[in-house]
Amino acid sequence: MHIPDGLISIPLCIILYIIAIIALYFSIKWSRENLDEKYIPLLAVLAAGIFAIQSFNLPVPFGSSGHLLGAALVAIVFCSPYAAIIVLSVVLILQALFFGDGGITALGANIVNMAIVGGFVGYYGFSTLTDKIGKYPSIFIAAWAGCFIAAIVAALEMAISGTFPLAEGIFFMGGYHAMIGFIEAIITVVIIKGIESIRPDLLAYNR
């Protein structure tokens, strides 16, 4: 899902950078108001885990990639999409600057797609569905949707830029991440269930 340099037009890159910076501002504000030293180790562990799982990429035709995301996991654990924005942004910045994974000009786009879209879809999918279908089914669906919709948004951005054919982009990005999202959903449920069995006090929805 990492978009390299050259696949997003410069005007769109600028717009997406602005959106990413605004989202990061509100995320930092949220962290100052809601995070204390009790939650910093968990945030760091999740960031390291997401960095690791995103290292396994499947090449997607026309120049992008497919991989697990992790945004819904962070958003659900901390009951806020802003937590996902902070964690994913740090991961994406490190990947772009030091590992060549995702372009520098496309960094704003990658933050919008994976951190913002993934985080908001993951959290609000979970919070909307929990009372209707139960906690773990809602976690599963929210994690899958966060991964899938983030990929579709990335395909749309590249199509708008004229570097990725729309129909094929949605087919390949959507198809790959529909399958990848299923794996992500299972992993997200397993991790949250594990945290709940060992340290339920760390899950924001238990507070």
N, C-alpha and C. Protein backbone atom coordinates (compact mmCIF):
# COMPACT_ATOMS: atom_id res chain seq x y z
N MET A 1 0.81 -1.20 0.00
CA MET A 1 0.00 0.00 0.00
C MET A 1 0.86 1.27 0.00
N HIS A 2 2.16 1.10 0.28
CA HIS A 2 3.06 2.25 0.23
C HIS A 2 3.14 2.78 -1.19
N ILE A 3 2.89 4.06 -1.35
CA ILE A 3 2.97 4.69 -2.66
C ILE A 3 4.36 5.30 -2.81
N PRO A 4 5.10 4.93 -3.86
CA PRO A 4 6.42 5.52 -4.08
C PRO A 4 6.33 6.90 -4.72
N ASP A 5 7.46 7.58 -4.81
CA ASP A 5 7.50 8.87 -5.50
C ASP A 5 7.12 8.69 -6.97
N GLY A 6 6.43 9.69 -7.49
CA GLY A 6 6.11 9.69 -8.92
C GLY A 6 4.74 9.18 -9.27
N LEU A 7 4.04 8.54 -8.34
CA LEU A 7 2.72 8.01 -8.64
C LEU A 7 1.59 8.93 -8.19
N ILE A 8 1.94 9.99 -7.45
CA ILE A 8 0.97 10.98 -7.02
C ILE A 8 1.40 12.34 -7.58
N SER A 9 0.49 13.06 -8.19
CA SER A 9 0.83 14.38 -8.74
C SER A 9 1.23 15.33 -7.61
N ILE A 10 2.09 16.29 -7.93
CA ILE A 10 2.59 17.22 -6.92
C ILE A 10 1.46 18.02 -6.27
N PRO A 11 0.49 18.57 -7.03
CA PRO A 11 -0.61 19.28 -6.35
C PRO A 11 -1.37 18.40 -5.35
N LEU A 12 -1.61 17.15 -5.72
CA LEU A 12 -2.31 16.26 -4.80
C LEU A 12 -1.42 15.91 -3.60
N CYS A 13 -0.11 15.77 -3.85
CA CYS A 13 0.83 15.52 -2.75
C CYS A 13 0.75 16.64 -1.72
N ILE A 14 0.70 17.89 -2.20
CA ILE A 14 0.65 19.05 -1.31
C ILE A 14 -0.62 19.03 -0.48
N ILE A 15 -1.75 18.77 -1.14
CA ILE A 15 -3.03 18.72 -0.43
C ILE A 15 -3.01 17.64 0.64
N LEU A 16 -2.50 16.47 0.30
CA LEU A 16 -2.48 15.36 1.25
C LEU A 16 -1.48 15.60 2.38
N TYR A 17 -0.39 16.29 2.10
CA TYR A 17 0.53 16.68 3.16
C TYR A 17 -0.16 17.61 4.16
N ILE A 18 -0.92 18.56 3.65
CA ILE A 18 -1.63 19.49 4.53
C ILE A 18 -2.62 18.74 5.42
N ILE A 19 -3.37 17.81 4.82
CA ILE A 19 -4.32 17.00 5.60
C ILE A 19 -3.58 16.20 6.67
N ALA A 20 -2.45 15.61 6.28
CA ALA A 20 -1.68 14.80 7.23
C ALA A 20 -1.15 15.65 8.38
N ILE A 21 -0.66 16.84 8.09
CA ILE A 21 -0.12 17.72 9.13
C ILE A 21 -1.22 18.15 10.10
N ILE A 22 -2.40 18.49 9.56
CA ILE A 22 -3.52 18.87 10.43
C ILE A 22 -3.92 17.70 11.33
N ALA A 23 -4.00 16.50 10.74
CA ALA A 23 -4.36 15.32 11.53
C ALA A 23 -3.32 15.04 12.61
N LEU A 24 -2.05 15.22 12.29
CA LEU A 24 -1.00 15.01 13.28
C LEU A 24 -1.08 16.04 14.41
N TYR A 25 -1.44 17.25 14.08
CA TYR A 25 -1.61 18.27 15.12
C TYR A 25 -2.67 17.84 16.14
N PHE A 26 -3.82 17.40 15.64
CA PHE A 26 -4.89 16.97 16.55
C PHE A 26 -4.52 15.68 17.28
N SER A 27 -3.71 14.84 16.64
CA SER A 27 -3.29 13.60 17.29
C SER A 27 -2.34 13.88 18.44
N ILE A 28 -1.41 14.81 18.24
CA ILE A 28 -0.49 15.18 19.31
C ILE A 28 -1.26 15.81 20.47
N LYS A 29 -2.23 16.65 20.13
CA LYS A 29 -3.07 17.26 21.16
C LYS A 29 -3.82 16.18 21.95
N TRP A 30 -4.35 15.17 21.24
CA TRP A 30 -5.04 14.06 21.91
C TRP A 30 -4.08 13.31 22.83
N SER A 31 -2.87 13.06 22.35
CA SER A 31 -1.92 12.29 23.15
C SER A 31 -1.55 13.01 24.44
N ARG A 32 -1.42 14.31 24.38
CA ARG A 32 -1.09 15.08 25.58
C ARG A 32 -2.22 15.04 26.61
N GLU A 33 -3.43 14.92 26.13
CA GLU A 33 -4.59 14.93 27.02
C GLU A 33 -4.96 13.54 27.53
N ASN A 34 -4.57 12.49 26.80
CA ASN A 34 -5.08 11.16 27.12
C ASN A 34 -4.03 10.10 27.45
N LEU A 35 -2.79 10.32 27.08
CA LEU A 35 -1.78 9.30 27.32
C LEU A 35 -0.93 9.66 28.53
N ASP A 36 -0.67 8.67 29.37
CA ASP A 36 0.28 8.84 30.45
C ASP A 36 1.33 7.74 30.36
N GLU A 37 2.25 7.69 31.30
CA GLU A 37 3.37 6.75 31.21
C GLU A 37 2.93 5.29 31.24
N LYS A 38 1.73 5.03 31.71
CA LYS A 38 1.22 3.65 31.75
C LYS A 38 1.04 3.09 30.36
N TYR A 39 0.69 3.95 29.39
CA TYR A 39 0.33 3.48 28.06
C TYR A 39 1.47 3.61 27.04
N ILE A 40 2.54 4.33 27.39
CA ILE A 40 3.63 4.54 26.44
C ILE A 40 4.29 3.22 26.02
N PRO A 41 4.58 2.28 26.96
CA PRO A 41 5.19 1.02 26.52
C PRO A 41 4.32 0.25 25.53
N LEU A 42 3.00 0.23 25.75
CA LEU A 42 2.11 -0.47 24.83
C LEU A 42 2.13 0.21 23.47
N LEU A 43 2.12 1.52 23.45
CA LEU A 43 2.18 2.26 22.20
C LEU A 43 3.46 1.93 21.43
N ALA A 44 4.57 1.85 22.16
CA ALA A 44 5.86 1.54 21.54
C ALA A 44 5.89 0.12 20.99
N VAL A 45 5.34 -0.83 21.75
CA VAL A 45 5.31 -2.22 21.30
C VAL A 45 4.46 -2.36 20.04
N LEU A 46 3.32 -1.70 20.02
CA LEU A 46 2.45 -1.75 18.85
C LEU A 46 3.14 -1.12 17.64
N ALA A 47 3.85 -0.02 17.85
CA ALA A 47 4.56 0.64 16.75
C ALA A 47 5.63 -0.29 16.17
N ALA A 48 6.38 -0.96 17.06
CA ALA A 48 7.42 -1.89 16.60
C ALA A 48 6.82 -3.06 15.84
N GLY A 49 5.69 -3.58 16.37
CA GLY A 49 5.02 -4.69 15.69
C GLY A 49 4.51 -4.31 14.33
N ILE A 50 3.93 -3.12 14.22
CA ILE A 50 3.41 -2.66 12.93
C ILE A 50 4.54 -2.44 11.94
N PHE A 51 5.64 -1.87 12.43
CA PHE A 51 6.81 -1.70 11.57
C PHE A 51 7.24 -3.05 10.99
N ALA A 52 7.23 -4.07 11.83
CA ALA A 52 7.67 -5.40 11.39
C ALA A 52 6.71 -6.01 10.38
N ILE A 53 5.40 -5.96 10.67
CA ILE A 53 4.46 -6.62 9.76
C ILE A 53 4.35 -5.90 8.42
N GLN A 54 4.62 -4.59 8.42
CA GLN A 54 4.56 -3.86 7.15
C GLN A 54 5.80 -4.10 6.29
N SER A 55 6.80 -4.75 6.85
CA SER A 55 8.01 -5.05 6.08
C SER A 55 7.79 -6.16 5.07
N PHE A 56 6.73 -6.93 5.25
CA PHE A 56 6.43 -8.02 4.32
C PHE A 56 5.45 -7.49 3.27
N ASN A 57 5.98 -7.17 2.11
CA ASN A 57 5.19 -6.56 1.04
C ASN A 57 4.94 -7.54 -0.10
N LEU A 58 3.74 -7.47 -0.66
CA LEU A 58 3.41 -8.17 -1.90
C LEU A 58 3.33 -7.13 -3.00
N PRO A 59 4.09 -7.29 -4.11
CA PRO A 59 4.01 -6.30 -5.18
C PRO A 59 2.63 -6.32 -5.85
N VAL A 60 2.06 -5.13 -6.03
CA VAL A 60 0.78 -4.97 -6.70
C VAL A 60 1.05 -4.40 -8.09
N PRO A 61 0.42 -4.93 -9.14
CA PRO A 61 0.64 -4.38 -10.48
C PRO A 61 0.46 -2.87 -10.53
N PHE A 62 1.24 -2.22 -11.41
CA PHE A 62 1.24 -0.77 -11.63
C PHE A 62 2.02 -0.01 -10.56
N GLY A 63 2.77 -0.69 -9.68
CA GLY A 63 3.77 0.02 -8.91
C GLY A 63 3.57 0.17 -7.42
N SER A 64 2.45 -0.26 -6.84
CA SER A 64 2.27 -0.14 -5.41
C SER A 64 2.57 -1.48 -4.74
N SER A 65 2.10 -1.65 -3.50
CA SER A 65 2.37 -2.88 -2.77
C SER A 65 1.21 -3.21 -1.85
N GLY A 66 1.15 -4.46 -1.43
CA GLY A 66 0.12 -4.90 -0.51
C GLY A 66 0.74 -5.43 0.76
N HIS A 67 0.17 -5.08 1.90
CA HIS A 67 0.70 -5.55 3.18
C HIS A 67 -0.32 -5.31 4.28
N LEU A 68 -0.06 -5.91 5.44
CA LEU A 68 -0.89 -5.65 6.61
C LEU A 68 -0.74 -4.20 7.04
N LEU A 69 -1.72 -3.70 7.79
CA LEU A 69 -1.76 -2.27 8.10
C LEU A 69 -1.54 -2.00 9.59
N GLY A 70 -2.44 -2.47 10.46
CA GLY A 70 -2.29 -2.29 11.89
C GLY A 70 -2.97 -1.07 12.47
N ALA A 71 -3.54 -0.21 11.63
CA ALA A 71 -4.15 1.03 12.13
C ALA A 71 -5.37 0.74 13.00
N ALA A 72 -6.21 -0.18 12.56
CA ALA A 72 -7.42 -0.50 13.34
C ALA A 72 -7.05 -1.05 14.71
N LEU A 73 -6.01 -1.86 14.77
CA LEU A 73 -5.57 -2.42 16.04
C LEU A 73 -5.26 -1.32 17.05
N VAL A 74 -4.46 -0.35 16.66
CA VAL A 74 -4.08 0.74 17.57
C VAL A 74 -5.30 1.58 17.93
N ALA A 75 -6.12 1.89 16.92
CA ALA A 75 -7.30 2.74 17.16
C ALA A 75 -8.27 2.08 18.14
N ILE A 76 -8.45 0.78 18.03
CA ILE A 76 -9.38 0.08 18.90
C ILE A 76 -8.81 -0.07 20.31
N VAL A 77 -7.53 -0.40 20.40
CA VAL A 77 -6.90 -0.55 21.72
C VAL A 77 -7.00 0.74 22.53
N PHE A 78 -6.77 1.87 21.87
CA PHE A 78 -6.78 3.16 22.58
C PHE A 78 -8.10 3.91 22.41
N CYS A 79 -9.05 3.29 21.71
CA CYS A 79 -10.36 3.89 21.48
C CYS A 79 -10.26 5.30 20.89
N SER A 80 -9.37 5.45 19.95
CA SER A 80 -9.22 6.73 19.27
C SER A 80 -8.46 6.55 17.96
N PRO A 81 -8.97 7.12 16.87
CA PRO A 81 -8.21 7.08 15.61
C PRO A 81 -6.92 7.89 15.70
N TYR A 82 -6.86 8.85 16.65
CA TYR A 82 -5.67 9.68 16.77
C TYR A 82 -4.46 8.88 17.24
N ALA A 83 -4.69 7.85 18.02
CA ALA A 83 -3.59 6.98 18.43
C ALA A 83 -3.00 6.28 17.20
N ALA A 84 -3.86 5.82 16.30
CA ALA A 84 -3.40 5.17 15.08
C ALA A 84 -2.63 6.15 14.20
N ILE A 85 -3.09 7.40 14.15
CA ILE A 85 -2.41 8.40 13.33
C ILE A 85 -0.99 8.63 13.84
N ILE A 86 -0.83 8.72 15.17
CA ILE A 86 0.51 8.93 15.73
C ILE A 86 1.41 7.74 15.42
N VAL A 87 0.96 6.54 15.73
CA VAL A 87 1.79 5.34 15.56
C VAL A 87 2.13 5.11 14.10
N LEU A 88 1.13 5.14 13.23
CA LEU A 88 1.38 4.87 11.82
C LEU A 88 2.23 5.95 11.18
N SER A 89 2.04 7.19 11.60
CA SER A 89 2.84 8.27 11.03
C SER A 89 4.32 8.10 11.37
N VAL A 90 4.61 7.76 12.62
CA VAL A 90 5.99 7.52 13.02
C VAL A 90 6.59 6.37 12.19
N VAL A 91 5.84 5.29 12.07
CA VAL A 91 6.30 4.14 11.29
C VAL A 91 6.56 4.52 9.84
N LEU A 92 5.62 5.24 9.24
CA LEU A 92 5.74 5.60 7.82
C LEU A 92 6.88 6.58 7.57
N ILE A 93 7.08 7.51 8.50
CA ILE A 93 8.19 8.47 8.36
C ILE A 93 9.53 7.74 8.41
N LEU A 94 9.69 6.83 9.36
CA LEU A 94 10.93 6.05 9.46
C LEU A 94 11.14 5.19 8.22
N GLN A 95 10.08 4.55 7.74
CA GLN A 95 10.20 3.72 6.55
C GLN A 95 10.62 4.53 5.34
N ALA A 96 10.02 5.72 5.18
CA ALA A 96 10.33 6.55 4.01
C ALA A 96 11.74 7.12 4.07
N LEU A 97 12.16 7.58 5.26
CA LEU A 97 13.45 8.26 5.38
C LEU A 97 14.64 7.30 5.40
N PHE A 98 14.46 6.14 6.05
CA PHE A 98 15.62 5.27 6.28
C PHE A 98 15.58 3.93 5.54
N PHE A 99 14.41 3.53 5.04
CA PHE A 99 14.31 2.21 4.41
C PHE A 99 13.78 2.25 2.98
N GLY A 100 13.50 3.44 2.47
CA GLY A 100 13.06 3.56 1.08
C GLY A 100 11.72 2.92 0.81
N ASP A 101 10.91 2.76 1.85
CA ASP A 101 9.59 2.14 1.69
C ASP A 101 8.53 3.24 1.68
N GLY A 102 8.06 3.61 0.48
CA GLY A 102 7.17 4.74 0.33
C GLY A 102 7.96 6.00 0.02
N GLY A 103 7.44 6.81 -0.86
CA GLY A 103 8.19 7.99 -1.30
C GLY A 103 8.12 9.15 -0.33
N ILE A 104 9.08 10.07 -0.46
CA ILE A 104 9.08 11.28 0.37
C ILE A 104 7.97 12.21 -0.07
N THR A 105 7.84 12.43 -1.37
CA THR A 105 6.75 13.30 -1.84
C THR A 105 5.39 12.68 -1.58
N ALA A 106 5.33 11.36 -1.53
CA ALA A 106 4.06 10.65 -1.30
C ALA A 106 3.82 10.34 0.17
N LEU A 107 4.68 10.85 1.06
CA LEU A 107 4.54 10.54 2.48
C LEU A 107 3.20 11.03 3.04
N GLY A 108 2.79 12.23 2.64
CA GLY A 108 1.49 12.73 3.09
C GLY A 108 0.36 11.83 2.65
N ALA A 109 0.44 11.34 1.40
CA ALA A 109 -0.58 10.43 0.89
C ALA A 109 -0.60 9.13 1.69
N ASN A 110 0.58 8.59 1.98
CA ASN A 110 0.65 7.34 2.73
C ASN A 110 0.12 7.50 4.15
N ILE A 111 0.39 8.66 4.77
CA ILE A 111 -0.15 8.92 6.10
C ILE A 111 -1.68 9.04 6.04
N VAL A 112 -2.18 9.75 5.04
CA VAL A 112 -3.64 9.87 4.89
C VAL A 112 -4.28 8.50 4.71
N ASN A 113 -3.72 7.69 3.83
CA ASN A 113 -4.33 6.40 3.51
C ASN A 113 -4.26 5.42 4.67
N MET A 114 -3.06 5.22 5.17
CA MET A 114 -2.88 4.16 6.15
C MET A 114 -3.19 4.60 7.58
N ALA A 115 -2.74 5.80 7.95
CA ALA A 115 -2.94 6.26 9.32
C ALA A 115 -4.32 6.84 9.53
N ILE A 116 -4.71 7.80 8.68
CA ILE A 116 -5.98 8.50 8.90
C ILE A 116 -7.16 7.65 8.48
N VAL A 117 -7.17 7.19 7.24
CA VAL A 117 -8.30 6.37 6.77
C VAL A 117 -8.36 5.07 7.56
N GLY A 118 -7.21 4.39 7.68
CA GLY A 118 -7.19 3.12 8.41
C GLY A 118 -7.63 3.29 9.86
N GLY A 119 -7.16 4.36 10.51
CA GLY A 119 -7.51 4.59 11.90
C GLY A 119 -8.97 4.96 12.11
N PHE A 120 -9.49 5.87 11.30
CA PHE A 120 -10.88 6.30 11.46
C PHE A 120 -11.85 5.18 11.09
N VAL A 121 -11.60 4.49 9.99
CA VAL A 121 -12.48 3.38 9.61
C VAL A 121 -12.43 2.29 10.67
N GLY A 122 -11.23 1.98 11.15
CA GLY A 122 -11.08 0.93 12.16
C GLY A 122 -11.81 1.26 13.45
N TYR A 123 -11.60 2.48 13.96
CA TYR A 123 -12.22 2.82 15.24
C TYR A 123 -13.73 2.98 15.12
N TYR A 124 -14.18 3.76 14.14
CA TYR A 124 -15.63 4.01 14.05
C TYR A 124 -16.40 2.79 13.55
N GLY A 125 -15.73 1.93 12.80
CA GLY A 125 -16.36 0.66 12.45
C GLY A 125 -16.60 -0.18 13.70
N PHE A 126 -15.57 -0.23 14.56
CA PHE A 126 -15.69 -0.97 15.81
C PHE A 126 -16.76 -0.37 16.72
N SER A 127 -16.71 0.94 16.95
CA SER A 127 -17.64 1.58 17.89
C SER A 127 -19.08 1.53 17.39
N THR A 128 -19.25 1.56 16.07
CA THR A 128 -20.61 1.52 15.51
C THR A 128 -21.21 0.13 15.59
N LEU A 129 -20.38 -0.89 15.39
CA LEU A 129 -20.90 -2.26 15.28
C LEU A 129 -20.95 -3.02 16.60
N THR A 130 -20.21 -2.58 17.60
CA THR A 130 -20.08 -3.36 18.83
C THR A 130 -21.43 -3.69 19.46
N ASP A 131 -22.29 -2.72 19.61
CA ASP A 131 -23.58 -2.95 20.26
C ASP A 131 -24.51 -3.78 19.39
N LYS A 132 -24.24 -3.85 18.10
CA LYS A 132 -25.12 -4.56 17.18
C LYS A 132 -24.73 -6.03 17.00
N ILE A 133 -23.43 -6.30 16.89
CA ILE A 133 -23.02 -7.67 16.58
C ILE A 133 -22.04 -8.25 17.59
N GLY A 134 -21.64 -7.47 18.58
CA GLY A 134 -20.71 -7.96 19.59
C GLY A 134 -19.30 -7.45 19.36
N LYS A 135 -18.50 -7.55 20.41
CA LYS A 135 -17.17 -6.95 20.41
C LYS A 135 -16.23 -7.56 19.38
N TYR A 136 -16.04 -8.86 19.43
CA TYR A 136 -15.03 -9.47 18.56
C TYR A 136 -15.44 -9.52 17.09
N PRO A 137 -16.70 -9.80 16.75
CA PRO A 137 -17.08 -9.66 15.34
C PRO A 137 -16.89 -8.24 14.81
N SER A 138 -17.17 -7.24 15.66
CA SER A 138 -16.99 -5.86 15.21
C SER A 138 -15.51 -5.52 15.04
N ILE A 139 -14.65 -6.06 15.89
CA ILE A 139 -13.21 -5.86 15.73
C ILE A 139 -12.75 -6.47 14.41
N PHE A 140 -13.23 -7.67 14.12
CA PHE A 140 -12.86 -8.36 12.88
C PHE A 140 -13.25 -7.54 11.66
N ILE A 141 -14.49 -7.11 11.61
CA ILE A 141 -14.99 -6.36 10.45
C ILE A 141 -14.29 -5.01 10.33
N ALA A 142 -14.09 -4.33 11.46
CA ALA A 142 -13.46 -3.01 11.43
C ALA A 142 -12.01 -3.11 10.94
N ALA A 143 -11.29 -4.12 11.38
CA ALA A 143 -9.90 -4.29 10.95
C ALA A 143 -9.83 -4.60 9.46
N TRP A 144 -10.72 -5.47 9.00
CA TRP A 144 -10.76 -5.78 7.56
C TRP A 144 -11.09 -4.53 6.75
N ALA A 145 -12.10 -3.80 7.17
CA ALA A 145 -12.54 -2.61 6.43
C ALA A 145 -11.47 -1.53 6.43
N GLY A 146 -10.77 -1.36 7.55
CA GLY A 146 -9.72 -0.35 7.60
C GLY A 146 -8.63 -0.61 6.58
N CYS A 147 -8.23 -1.86 6.44
CA CYS A 147 -7.21 -2.24 5.47
C CYS A 147 -7.73 -2.10 4.05
N PHE A 148 -8.92 -2.59 3.79
CA PHE A 148 -9.50 -2.59 2.44
C PHE A 148 -9.77 -1.18 1.94
N ILE A 149 -10.41 -0.36 2.75
CA ILE A 149 -10.79 0.98 2.31
C ILE A 149 -9.56 1.86 2.14
N ALA A 150 -8.56 1.70 2.98
CA ALA A 150 -7.31 2.45 2.81
C ALA A 150 -6.68 2.14 1.45
N ALA A 151 -6.73 0.88 1.03
CA ALA A 151 -6.18 0.49 -0.27
C ALA A 151 -6.97 1.10 -1.42
N ILE A 152 -8.30 1.14 -1.28
CA ILE A 152 -9.13 1.73 -2.33
C ILE A 152 -8.84 3.22 -2.46
N VAL A 153 -8.68 3.91 -1.33
CA VAL A 153 -8.36 5.34 -1.36
C VAL A 153 -7.02 5.57 -2.05
N ALA A 154 -6.03 4.73 -1.77
CA ALA A 154 -4.73 4.85 -2.44
C ALA A 154 -4.87 4.68 -3.95
N ALA A 155 -5.68 3.71 -4.37
CA ALA A 155 -5.90 3.50 -5.80
C ALA A 155 -6.57 4.71 -6.43
N LEU A 156 -7.53 5.31 -5.74
CA LEU A 156 -8.21 6.50 -6.26
C LEU A 156 -7.25 7.68 -6.40
N GLU A 157 -6.36 7.85 -5.43
CA GLU A 157 -5.39 8.95 -5.51
C GLU A 157 -4.48 8.80 -6.72
N MET A 158 -4.02 7.59 -6.96
CA MET A 158 -3.15 7.36 -8.11
C MET A 158 -3.90 7.49 -9.42
N ALA A 159 -5.18 7.11 -9.41
CA ALA A 159 -6.00 7.27 -10.62
C ALA A 159 -6.23 8.75 -10.92
N ILE A 160 -6.49 9.54 -9.88
CA ILE A 160 -6.67 10.98 -10.05
C ILE A 160 -5.40 11.61 -10.63
N SER A 161 -4.26 11.09 -10.21
CA SER A 161 -2.97 11.60 -10.70
C SER A 161 -2.64 11.11 -12.10
N GLY A 162 -3.42 10.16 -12.63
CA GLY A 162 -3.20 9.66 -13.97
C GLY A 162 -2.08 8.65 -14.09
N THR A 163 -1.65 8.07 -12.98
CA THR A 163 -0.54 7.11 -13.00
C THR A 163 -0.97 5.68 -12.74
N PHE A 164 -2.24 5.48 -12.48
CA PHE A 164 -2.75 4.16 -12.09
C PHE A 164 -4.14 4.04 -12.69
N PRO A 165 -4.38 3.14 -13.64
CA PRO A 165 -5.72 3.06 -14.24
C PRO A 165 -6.78 2.75 -13.18
N LEU A 166 -7.90 3.46 -13.23
CA LEU A 166 -8.89 3.40 -12.16
C LEU A 166 -9.45 2.00 -11.95
N ALA A 167 -9.99 1.40 -13.00
CA ALA A 167 -10.65 0.10 -12.86
C ALA A 167 -9.66 -0.96 -12.41
N GLU A 168 -8.50 -1.00 -13.08
CA GLU A 168 -7.48 -2.00 -12.72
C GLU A 168 -6.92 -1.73 -11.33
N GLY A 169 -6.77 -0.44 -11.00
CA GLY A 169 -6.24 -0.08 -9.69
C GLY A 169 -7.15 -0.56 -8.57
N ILE A 170 -8.44 -0.29 -8.71
CA ILE A 170 -9.40 -0.73 -7.69
C ILE A 170 -9.44 -2.26 -7.64
N PHE A 171 -9.38 -2.89 -8.82
CA PHE A 171 -9.43 -4.36 -8.87
C PHE A 171 -8.23 -4.97 -8.14
N PHE A 172 -7.02 -4.50 -8.50
CA PHE A 172 -5.82 -5.11 -7.91
C PHE A 172 -5.62 -4.68 -6.45
N MET A 173 -5.70 -3.38 -6.19
CA MET A 173 -5.51 -2.92 -4.81
C MET A 173 -6.62 -3.46 -3.91
N GLY A 174 -7.85 -3.39 -4.40
CA GLY A 174 -8.97 -3.91 -3.61
C GLY A 174 -8.90 -5.41 -3.45
N GLY A 175 -8.58 -6.11 -4.52
CA GLY A 175 -8.52 -7.58 -4.45
C GLY A 175 -7.44 -8.08 -3.52
N TYR A 176 -6.25 -7.51 -3.67
CA TYR A 176 -5.15 -7.92 -2.80
C TYR A 176 -5.48 -7.66 -1.33
N HIS A 177 -6.00 -6.44 -1.05
CA HIS A 177 -6.22 -6.06 0.34
C HIS A 177 -7.51 -6.62 0.92
N ALA A 178 -8.41 -7.09 0.07
CA ALA A 178 -9.55 -7.85 0.60
C ALA A 178 -9.05 -9.14 1.24
N MET A 179 -8.06 -9.77 0.60
CA MET A 179 -7.47 -10.99 1.16
C MET A 179 -6.54 -10.69 2.32
N ILE A 180 -5.69 -9.68 2.16
CA ILE A 180 -4.78 -9.29 3.23
C ILE A 180 -5.57 -8.83 4.46
N GLY A 181 -6.67 -8.11 4.21
CA GLY A 181 -7.50 -7.63 5.31
C GLY A 181 -8.08 -8.75 6.15
N PHE A 182 -8.35 -9.88 5.54
CA PHE A 182 -8.86 -11.04 6.28
C PHE A 182 -7.80 -11.51 7.29
N ILE A 183 -6.53 -11.55 6.85
CA ILE A 183 -5.45 -11.93 7.75
C ILE A 183 -5.29 -10.88 8.85
N GLU A 184 -5.36 -9.62 8.46
CA GLU A 184 -5.25 -8.54 9.44
C GLU A 184 -6.35 -8.62 10.48
N ALA A 185 -7.55 -8.93 10.04
CA ALA A 185 -8.68 -9.02 10.97
C ALA A 185 -8.45 -10.12 12.01
N ILE A 186 -7.95 -11.26 11.57
CA ILE A 186 -7.67 -12.37 12.50
C ILE A 186 -6.59 -11.96 13.50
N ILE A 187 -5.51 -11.37 13.00
CA ILE A 187 -4.41 -10.96 13.87
C ILE A 187 -4.89 -9.92 14.88
N THR A 188 -5.71 -8.97 14.43
CA THR A 188 -6.21 -7.91 15.32
C THR A 188 -7.05 -8.50 16.44
N VAL A 189 -7.94 -9.43 16.11
CA VAL A 189 -8.76 -10.07 17.14
C VAL A 189 -7.89 -10.84 18.13
N VAL A 190 -6.92 -11.58 17.62
CA VAL A 190 -6.06 -12.40 18.48
C VAL A 190 -5.26 -11.50 19.44
N ILE A 191 -4.70 -10.41 18.93
CA ILE A 191 -3.88 -9.53 19.78
C ILE A 191 -4.74 -8.86 20.85
N ILE A 192 -5.90 -8.34 20.45
CA ILE A 192 -6.76 -7.67 21.43
C ILE A 192 -7.28 -8.65 22.46
N LYS A 193 -7.61 -9.85 22.02
CA LYS A 193 -8.06 -10.88 22.97
C LYS A 193 -6.93 -11.23 23.94
N GLY A 194 -5.70 -11.27 23.43
CA GLY A 194 -4.56 -11.56 24.28
C GLY A 194 -4.32 -10.47 25.31
N ILE A 195 -4.40 -9.21 24.88
CA ILE A 195 -4.24 -8.09 25.81
C ILE A 195 -5.33 -8.12 26.87
N GLU A 196 -6.54 -8.43 26.43
CA GLU A 196 -7.67 -8.44 27.36
C GLU A 196 -7.52 -9.54 28.40
N SER A 197 -6.93 -10.64 28.04
CA SER A 197 -6.78 -11.74 28.99
C SER A 197 -5.65 -11.50 29.98
N ILE A 198 -4.66 -10.68 29.59
CA ILE A 198 -3.49 -10.45 30.45
C ILE A 198 -3.56 -9.11 31.16
N ARG A 199 -3.83 -8.04 30.40
CA ARG A 199 -3.88 -6.69 30.97
C ARG A 199 -5.11 -5.95 30.45
N PRO A 200 -6.29 -6.34 30.89
CA PRO A 200 -7.51 -5.67 30.39
C PRO A 200 -7.55 -4.18 30.71
N ASP A 201 -6.80 -3.76 31.72
CA ASP A 201 -6.79 -2.35 32.10
C ASP A 201 -6.13 -1.47 31.04
N LEU A 202 -5.36 -2.09 30.12
CA LEU A 202 -4.70 -1.32 29.07
C LEU A 202 -5.63 -1.01 27.90
N LEU A 203 -6.76 -1.68 27.85
CA LEU A 203 -7.71 -1.44 26.75
C LEU A 203 -8.65 -0.30 27.14
N ALA A 204 -8.65 0.72 26.31
CA ALA A 204 -9.40 1.93 26.64
C ALA A 204 -10.90 1.67 26.79
N TYR A 205 -11.44 0.71 26.03
CA TYR A 205 -12.88 0.47 26.13
C TYR A 205 -13.27 -0.23 27.44
N ASN A 206 -12.28 -0.68 28.21
CA ASN A 206 -12.56 -1.26 29.53
C ASN A 206 -12.49 -0.24 30.65
N ARG A 207 -12.07 0.97 30.33
CA ARG A 207 -11.95 2.00 31.37
C ARG A 207 -13.29 2.60 31.69
